[in-house]
Amino acid sequence: MVDKTTGKCRRKSPRFDKQVKLSVGKLQYPMTNVNMTSGYTSNVSETGLCFTTDELFKNGTILQLIVELIGWQHYLQTTAAIIDAQVVSKPLTAVAEVVWSKKLTDNEEKYAVGVQFKDIYEDDLHAFKKYLRKMLDKKT
């Protein structure tokens, strides 16, 4: 996002354009009652991501995200990541807050939603950051 007065990017972290499937639902208790909807990411960063979906989420809404990002798991530094096939293919899960949302087109009910990560398991976050740095290095 570019600041119109300074012309500089206001984002804290560089974005990596990546389209992967995700499931998203409003975080509520009990967790067994969370209705998940699907969507696709547009971009990801260390601090958040943007995705498209059929559901409008208002600013400030806390969401549960399950991101089907392939490859980030290889950066996990745990023994389980080496010997457990389920860990190698597990999705990235996070709790995030909606910081903006907008309708994409007039013809269909599609929305773009920007979220900021609020909670990710510490080991997962370190692995995710390493993955992103590697992807950004490949891009340059």
N, C-alpha and C. Protein backbone atom coordinates (compact mmCIF):
# COMPACT_ATOMS: atom_id res chain seq x y z
N MET A 1 0.85 -1.16 0.00
CA MET A 1 0.00 0.00 0.00
C MET A 1 0.90 1.23 0.00
N VAL A 2 0.71 2.16 -0.95
CA VAL A 2 1.56 3.33 -1.09
C VAL A 2 0.89 4.54 -0.45
N ASP A 3 1.66 5.27 0.37
CA ASP A 3 1.18 6.50 0.99
C ASP A 3 1.15 7.57 -0.09
N LYS A 4 0.00 8.19 -0.32
CA LYS A 4 -0.17 9.16 -1.40
C LYS A 4 0.63 10.44 -1.17
N THR A 5 0.94 10.77 0.08
CA THR A 5 1.68 12.01 0.35
C THR A 5 3.19 11.83 0.21
N THR A 6 3.71 10.67 0.59
CA THR A 6 5.15 10.45 0.53
C THR A 6 5.59 9.59 -0.65
N GLY A 7 4.67 8.80 -1.21
CA GLY A 7 5.00 7.90 -2.30
C GLY A 7 5.72 6.64 -1.84
N LYS A 8 5.82 6.45 -0.53
CA LYS A 8 6.51 5.27 0.02
C LYS A 8 5.51 4.20 0.41
N CYS A 9 5.98 2.97 0.39
CA CYS A 9 5.15 1.84 0.79
C CYS A 9 4.96 1.86 2.30
N ARG A 10 3.71 1.72 2.76
CA ARG A 10 3.40 1.74 4.18
C ARG A 10 3.43 0.35 4.80
N ARG A 11 3.59 -0.68 4.02
CA ARG A 11 3.57 -2.03 4.55
C ARG A 11 4.82 -2.32 5.36
N LYS A 12 4.64 -3.08 6.43
CA LYS A 12 5.74 -3.43 7.32
C LYS A 12 6.61 -4.53 6.72
N SER A 13 6.02 -5.42 5.95
CA SER A 13 6.72 -6.58 5.41
C SER A 13 6.46 -6.68 3.91
N PRO A 14 7.47 -7.14 3.16
CA PRO A 14 7.25 -7.33 1.73
C PRO A 14 6.23 -8.43 1.47
N ARG A 15 5.46 -8.27 0.42
CA ARG A 15 4.45 -9.24 0.03
C ARG A 15 5.02 -10.20 -1.00
N PHE A 16 4.55 -11.43 -0.93
CA PHE A 16 4.91 -12.45 -1.90
C PHE A 16 3.62 -12.89 -2.56
N ASP A 17 3.50 -12.64 -3.88
CA ASP A 17 2.30 -13.04 -4.60
C ASP A 17 2.22 -14.56 -4.64
N LYS A 18 1.15 -15.08 -4.07
CA LYS A 18 0.98 -16.53 -3.99
C LYS A 18 -0.49 -16.84 -3.91
N GLN A 19 -0.98 -17.68 -4.83
CA GLN A 19 -2.37 -18.08 -4.81
C GLN A 19 -2.46 -19.52 -4.34
N VAL A 20 -2.97 -19.69 -3.11
CA VAL A 20 -3.17 -21.02 -2.55
C VAL A 20 -4.53 -21.05 -1.86
N LYS A 21 -5.08 -22.23 -1.75
CA LYS A 21 -6.39 -22.40 -1.12
C LYS A 21 -6.29 -22.19 0.39
N LEU A 22 -7.33 -21.60 0.96
CA LEU A 22 -7.41 -21.50 2.39
C LEU A 22 -8.85 -21.67 2.84
N SER A 23 -8.99 -22.04 4.10
CA SER A 23 -10.29 -22.11 4.75
C SER A 23 -10.28 -21.04 5.82
N VAL A 24 -11.42 -20.37 5.98
CA VAL A 24 -11.49 -19.26 6.92
C VAL A 24 -12.84 -19.27 7.63
N GLY A 25 -12.82 -18.93 8.89
CA GLY A 25 -14.06 -18.85 9.66
C GLY A 25 -13.89 -17.88 10.81
N LYS A 26 -14.99 -17.31 11.25
CA LYS A 26 -14.95 -16.41 12.41
C LYS A 26 -14.59 -17.23 13.64
N LEU A 27 -13.65 -16.72 14.40
CA LEU A 27 -13.23 -17.40 15.62
C LEU A 27 -14.30 -17.21 16.68
N GLN A 28 -14.83 -18.31 17.16
CA GLN A 28 -15.89 -18.27 18.17
C GLN A 28 -15.80 -19.52 19.02
N TYR A 29 -16.43 -19.48 20.15
CA TYR A 29 -16.44 -20.62 21.06
C TYR A 29 -17.86 -21.12 21.22
N PRO A 30 -18.11 -22.41 21.26
CA PRO A 30 -17.09 -23.45 21.18
C PRO A 30 -16.56 -23.59 19.76
N MET A 31 -15.31 -24.02 19.66
CA MET A 31 -14.64 -24.14 18.37
C MET A 31 -15.33 -25.14 17.44
N THR A 32 -16.10 -26.05 17.97
CA THR A 32 -16.78 -27.04 17.14
C THR A 32 -17.87 -26.41 16.28
N ASN A 33 -18.27 -25.19 16.61
CA ASN A 33 -19.34 -24.53 15.85
C ASN A 33 -18.85 -23.55 14.80
N VAL A 34 -17.56 -23.56 14.48
CA VAL A 34 -17.01 -22.63 13.50
C VAL A 34 -17.41 -23.07 12.10
N ASN A 35 -18.11 -22.19 11.38
CA ASN A 35 -18.46 -22.45 9.99
C ASN A 35 -17.34 -21.92 9.10
N MET A 36 -16.70 -22.82 8.39
CA MET A 36 -15.57 -22.44 7.54
C MET A 36 -16.05 -22.23 6.11
N THR A 37 -15.45 -21.25 5.46
CA THR A 37 -15.69 -21.00 4.05
C THR A 37 -14.34 -21.05 3.35
N SER A 38 -14.33 -21.23 2.05
CA SER A 38 -13.05 -21.35 1.35
C SER A 38 -12.76 -20.08 0.55
N GLY A 39 -11.51 -19.95 0.19
CA GLY A 39 -11.06 -18.82 -0.60
C GLY A 39 -9.67 -19.10 -1.11
N TYR A 40 -9.05 -18.07 -1.70
CA TYR A 40 -7.70 -18.19 -2.22
C TYR A 40 -6.90 -16.95 -1.84
N THR A 41 -5.65 -17.17 -1.44
CA THR A 41 -4.79 -16.04 -1.12
C THR A 41 -4.40 -15.32 -2.41
N SER A 42 -4.15 -14.02 -2.28
CA SER A 42 -3.58 -13.23 -3.38
C SER A 42 -2.10 -13.00 -3.12
N ASN A 43 -1.79 -12.71 -1.84
CA ASN A 43 -0.41 -12.53 -1.44
C ASN A 43 -0.27 -12.85 0.05
N VAL A 44 0.97 -13.12 0.46
CA VAL A 44 1.27 -13.43 1.85
C VAL A 44 2.50 -12.65 2.28
N SER A 45 2.59 -12.39 3.58
CA SER A 45 3.78 -11.75 4.16
C SER A 45 3.96 -12.29 5.56
N GLU A 46 5.03 -11.85 6.22
CA GLU A 46 5.29 -12.29 7.59
C GLU A 46 4.23 -11.80 8.55
N THR A 47 3.55 -10.72 8.21
CA THR A 47 2.61 -10.10 9.15
C THR A 47 1.14 -10.32 8.79
N GLY A 48 0.86 -10.84 7.60
CA GLY A 48 -0.54 -11.05 7.22
C GLY A 48 -0.66 -11.54 5.80
N LEU A 49 -1.90 -11.52 5.31
CA LEU A 49 -2.14 -11.95 3.94
C LEU A 49 -3.42 -11.32 3.42
N CYS A 50 -3.60 -11.43 2.11
CA CYS A 50 -4.81 -10.98 1.44
C CYS A 50 -5.43 -12.20 0.78
N PHE A 51 -6.76 -12.30 0.87
CA PHE A 51 -7.43 -13.43 0.22
C PHE A 51 -8.76 -12.99 -0.36
N THR A 52 -9.28 -13.80 -1.27
CA THR A 52 -10.61 -13.56 -1.84
C THR A 52 -11.54 -14.67 -1.39
N THR A 53 -12.79 -14.31 -1.19
CA THR A 53 -13.79 -15.25 -0.71
C THR A 53 -15.18 -14.76 -1.08
N ASP A 54 -16.17 -15.60 -0.88
CA ASP A 54 -17.56 -15.23 -1.15
C ASP A 54 -18.21 -14.52 0.03
N GLU A 55 -17.54 -14.47 1.17
CA GLU A 55 -18.13 -13.90 2.38
C GLU A 55 -17.44 -12.60 2.75
N LEU A 56 -18.23 -11.60 3.12
CA LEU A 56 -17.69 -10.33 3.57
C LEU A 56 -17.41 -10.41 5.07
N PHE A 57 -16.19 -10.07 5.45
CA PHE A 57 -15.81 -10.01 6.86
C PHE A 57 -15.54 -8.55 7.21
N LYS A 58 -16.13 -8.08 8.29
CA LYS A 58 -15.97 -6.69 8.71
C LYS A 58 -14.63 -6.47 9.41
N ASN A 59 -14.14 -5.23 9.33
CA ASN A 59 -12.90 -4.86 10.02
C ASN A 59 -13.01 -5.19 11.50
N GLY A 60 -11.92 -5.73 12.05
CA GLY A 60 -11.88 -6.09 13.46
C GLY A 60 -12.32 -7.50 13.75
N THR A 61 -12.91 -8.19 12.78
CA THR A 61 -13.34 -9.57 12.98
C THR A 61 -12.12 -10.47 13.16
N ILE A 62 -12.15 -11.34 14.15
CA ILE A 62 -11.07 -12.28 14.40
C ILE A 62 -11.40 -13.58 13.66
N LEU A 63 -10.45 -14.04 12.86
CA LEU A 63 -10.65 -15.21 12.01
C LEU A 63 -9.68 -16.33 12.33
N GLN A 64 -10.13 -17.53 12.07
CA GLN A 64 -9.28 -18.72 12.09
C GLN A 64 -8.94 -19.01 10.64
N LEU A 65 -7.64 -19.15 10.32
CA LEU A 65 -7.19 -19.42 8.96
C LEU A 65 -6.50 -20.77 8.89
N ILE A 66 -6.78 -21.50 7.83
CA ILE A 66 -6.08 -22.74 7.52
C ILE A 66 -5.60 -22.59 6.08
N VAL A 67 -4.29 -22.35 5.92
CA VAL A 67 -3.71 -22.01 4.62
C VAL A 67 -2.97 -23.22 4.07
N GLU A 68 -3.34 -23.66 2.88
CA GLU A 68 -2.75 -24.84 2.24
C GLU A 68 -1.48 -24.47 1.47
N LEU A 69 -0.53 -23.89 2.18
CA LEU A 69 0.73 -23.42 1.61
C LEU A 69 1.73 -24.57 1.60
N ILE A 70 2.14 -24.98 0.43
CA ILE A 70 3.05 -26.11 0.29
C ILE A 70 4.50 -25.61 0.39
N GLY A 71 5.29 -26.28 1.20
CA GLY A 71 6.73 -26.00 1.26
C GLY A 71 7.20 -25.33 2.53
N TRP A 72 6.36 -24.60 3.21
CA TRP A 72 6.80 -23.91 4.43
C TRP A 72 7.21 -24.91 5.52
N GLN A 73 6.60 -26.10 5.49
CA GLN A 73 6.84 -27.11 6.51
C GLN A 73 8.30 -27.60 6.52
N HIS A 74 8.98 -27.49 5.38
CA HIS A 74 10.37 -27.97 5.29
C HIS A 74 11.32 -27.15 6.16
N TYR A 75 10.87 -26.01 6.62
CA TYR A 75 11.70 -25.13 7.45
C TYR A 75 11.45 -25.33 8.95
N LEU A 76 10.58 -26.25 9.29
CA LEU A 76 10.35 -26.57 10.70
C LEU A 76 11.60 -27.22 11.28
N GLN A 77 11.98 -26.83 12.48
CA GLN A 77 13.20 -27.33 13.11
C GLN A 77 12.90 -28.38 14.18
N THR A 78 11.88 -29.20 13.95
CA THR A 78 11.52 -30.20 14.96
C THR A 78 11.80 -31.60 14.43
N THR A 79 11.98 -32.52 15.34
CA THR A 79 12.19 -33.92 14.95
C THR A 79 10.95 -34.46 14.25
N ALA A 80 9.78 -34.06 14.72
CA ALA A 80 8.53 -34.53 14.10
C ALA A 80 8.47 -34.13 12.63
N ALA A 81 9.02 -32.97 12.28
CA ALA A 81 8.99 -32.51 10.89
C ALA A 81 9.84 -33.40 9.99
N ILE A 82 10.81 -34.07 10.59
CA ILE A 82 11.70 -34.94 9.82
C ILE A 82 11.09 -36.32 9.64
N ILE A 83 10.43 -36.84 10.67
CA ILE A 83 10.00 -38.25 10.63
C ILE A 83 8.50 -38.45 10.44
N ASP A 84 7.71 -37.41 10.57
CA ASP A 84 6.25 -37.55 10.50
C ASP A 84 5.71 -36.97 9.19
N ALA A 85 5.19 -37.83 8.34
CA ALA A 85 4.68 -37.40 7.03
C ALA A 85 3.52 -36.41 7.16
N GLN A 86 2.73 -36.51 8.23
CA GLN A 86 1.62 -35.57 8.41
C GLN A 86 2.12 -34.16 8.69
N VAL A 87 3.22 -34.02 9.39
CA VAL A 87 3.78 -32.70 9.67
C VAL A 87 4.28 -32.06 8.38
N VAL A 88 4.87 -32.86 7.51
CA VAL A 88 5.42 -32.34 6.26
C VAL A 88 4.34 -31.78 5.35
N SER A 89 3.12 -32.23 5.49
CA SER A 89 2.05 -31.75 4.62
C SER A 89 0.99 -30.91 5.35
N LYS A 90 1.24 -30.57 6.61
CA LYS A 90 0.22 -29.85 7.38
C LYS A 90 0.07 -28.42 6.88
N PRO A 91 -1.15 -27.90 6.94
CA PRO A 91 -1.38 -26.51 6.53
C PRO A 91 -0.88 -25.55 7.60
N LEU A 92 -0.68 -24.31 7.21
CA LEU A 92 -0.35 -23.25 8.15
C LEU A 92 -1.64 -22.77 8.80
N THR A 93 -1.70 -22.80 10.11
CA THR A 93 -2.89 -22.33 10.81
C THR A 93 -2.55 -21.06 11.57
N ALA A 94 -3.51 -20.14 11.61
CA ALA A 94 -3.27 -18.86 12.28
C ALA A 94 -4.59 -18.25 12.73
N VAL A 95 -4.47 -17.36 13.70
CA VAL A 95 -5.57 -16.49 14.08
C VAL A 95 -5.19 -15.12 13.56
N ALA A 96 -6.14 -14.44 12.90
CA ALA A 96 -5.85 -13.15 12.27
C ALA A 96 -7.02 -12.20 12.45
N GLU A 97 -6.72 -10.91 12.33
CA GLU A 97 -7.74 -9.87 12.44
C GLU A 97 -7.92 -9.19 11.09
N VAL A 98 -9.17 -9.00 10.69
CA VAL A 98 -9.47 -8.30 9.44
C VAL A 98 -9.11 -6.83 9.60
N VAL A 99 -8.27 -6.31 8.69
CA VAL A 99 -7.89 -4.90 8.73
C VAL A 99 -8.52 -4.10 7.60
N TRP A 100 -8.95 -4.78 6.54
CA TRP A 100 -9.70 -4.14 5.47
C TRP A 100 -10.42 -5.21 4.66
N SER A 101 -11.48 -4.80 3.98
CA SER A 101 -12.19 -5.69 3.06
C SER A 101 -12.93 -4.83 2.05
N LYS A 102 -13.11 -5.39 0.86
CA LYS A 102 -13.84 -4.66 -0.18
C LYS A 102 -14.44 -5.64 -1.18
N LYS A 103 -15.53 -5.20 -1.78
CA LYS A 103 -16.19 -6.00 -2.82
C LYS A 103 -15.36 -5.87 -4.10
N LEU A 104 -15.16 -6.99 -4.78
CA LEU A 104 -14.30 -6.98 -5.97
C LEU A 104 -15.03 -6.52 -7.23
N THR A 105 -16.24 -7.03 -7.44
CA THR A 105 -16.97 -6.67 -8.66
C THR A 105 -18.43 -6.42 -8.34
N ASP A 106 -19.10 -5.76 -9.24
CA ASP A 106 -20.53 -5.53 -9.07
C ASP A 106 -21.36 -6.75 -9.46
N ASN A 107 -20.82 -7.60 -10.33
CA ASN A 107 -21.58 -8.72 -10.89
C ASN A 107 -21.71 -9.93 -9.98
N GLU A 108 -20.71 -10.16 -9.14
CA GLU A 108 -20.76 -11.36 -8.30
C GLU A 108 -20.35 -11.00 -6.88
N GLU A 109 -20.69 -11.86 -5.96
CA GLU A 109 -20.39 -11.63 -4.55
C GLU A 109 -19.00 -12.19 -4.21
N LYS A 110 -17.97 -11.46 -4.58
CA LYS A 110 -16.59 -11.81 -4.25
C LYS A 110 -15.97 -10.64 -3.50
N TYR A 111 -15.21 -10.96 -2.47
CA TYR A 111 -14.60 -9.93 -1.64
C TYR A 111 -13.11 -10.19 -1.49
N ALA A 112 -12.35 -9.12 -1.43
CA ALA A 112 -10.94 -9.18 -1.07
C ALA A 112 -10.84 -8.78 0.39
N VAL A 113 -10.06 -9.53 1.16
CA VAL A 113 -9.94 -9.30 2.59
C VAL A 113 -8.46 -9.29 2.97
N GLY A 114 -8.05 -8.26 3.70
CA GLY A 114 -6.69 -8.18 4.21
C GLY A 114 -6.70 -8.45 5.71
N VAL A 115 -5.82 -9.34 6.15
CA VAL A 115 -5.77 -9.68 7.56
C VAL A 115 -4.35 -9.53 8.10
N GLN A 116 -4.28 -9.25 9.40
CA GLN A 116 -3.01 -9.19 10.11
C GLN A 116 -2.98 -10.38 11.07
N PHE A 117 -1.86 -11.11 11.03
CA PHE A 117 -1.73 -12.25 11.93
C PHE A 117 -1.72 -11.78 13.38
N LYS A 118 -2.44 -12.52 14.23
CA LYS A 118 -2.48 -12.24 15.66
C LYS A 118 -1.84 -13.36 16.46
N ASP A 119 -1.97 -14.60 15.98
CA ASP A 119 -1.43 -15.74 16.71
C ASP A 119 -1.11 -16.88 15.76
N ILE A 120 0.15 -17.31 15.80
CA ILE A 120 0.62 -18.48 15.05
C ILE A 120 1.57 -19.20 16.00
N TYR A 121 1.54 -20.52 16.01
CA TYR A 121 2.50 -21.26 16.83
C TYR A 121 3.91 -20.76 16.52
N GLU A 122 4.71 -20.57 17.56
CA GLU A 122 6.03 -19.97 17.40
C GLU A 122 6.92 -20.72 16.41
N ASP A 123 6.97 -22.04 16.51
CA ASP A 123 7.78 -22.83 15.57
C ASP A 123 7.28 -22.68 14.14
N ASP A 124 5.96 -22.66 13.99
CA ASP A 124 5.37 -22.48 12.66
C ASP A 124 5.71 -21.11 12.09
N LEU A 125 5.66 -20.09 12.93
CA LEU A 125 5.97 -18.73 12.48
C LEU A 125 7.41 -18.62 12.02
N HIS A 126 8.35 -19.19 12.77
CA HIS A 126 9.76 -19.16 12.35
C HIS A 126 9.95 -19.86 11.01
N ALA A 127 9.32 -21.02 10.85
CA ALA A 127 9.43 -21.77 9.60
C ALA A 127 8.80 -20.99 8.45
N PHE A 128 7.65 -20.37 8.69
CA PHE A 128 6.95 -19.59 7.67
C PHE A 128 7.81 -18.40 7.24
N LYS A 129 8.44 -17.72 8.18
CA LYS A 129 9.30 -16.57 7.85
C LYS A 129 10.50 -17.01 7.01
N LYS A 130 11.11 -18.14 7.36
CA LYS A 130 12.23 -18.66 6.56
C LYS A 130 11.78 -19.00 5.15
N TYR A 131 10.61 -19.61 5.04
CA TYR A 131 10.04 -19.95 3.74
C TYR A 131 9.85 -18.67 2.90
N LEU A 132 9.25 -17.64 3.50
CA LEU A 132 9.01 -16.40 2.77
C LEU A 132 10.32 -15.74 2.32
N ARG A 133 11.31 -15.71 3.20
CA ARG A 133 12.60 -15.11 2.82
C ARG A 133 13.21 -15.85 1.63
N LYS A 134 13.10 -17.17 1.64
CA LYS A 134 13.63 -17.97 0.53
C LYS A 134 12.88 -17.66 -0.76
N MET A 135 11.56 -17.54 -0.69
CA MET A 135 10.75 -17.22 -1.87
C MET A 135 11.06 -15.81 -2.39
N LEU A 136 11.24 -14.86 -1.49
CA LEU A 136 11.56 -13.49 -1.89
C LEU A 136 12.96 -13.42 -2.50
N ASP A 137 13.90 -14.21 -1.96
CA ASP A 137 15.26 -14.25 -2.53
C ASP A 137 15.24 -14.80 -3.95
N LYS A 138 14.42 -15.82 -4.19
CA LYS A 138 14.31 -16.40 -5.53
C LYS A 138 13.75 -15.39 -6.53
N LYS A 139 12.90 -14.51 -6.03
CA LYS A 139 12.22 -13.53 -6.87
C LYS A 139 13.17 -12.43 -7.34
N THR A 140 14.21 -12.14 -6.55
CA THR A 140 15.12 -11.05 -6.91
C THR A 140 16.32 -11.52 -7.66
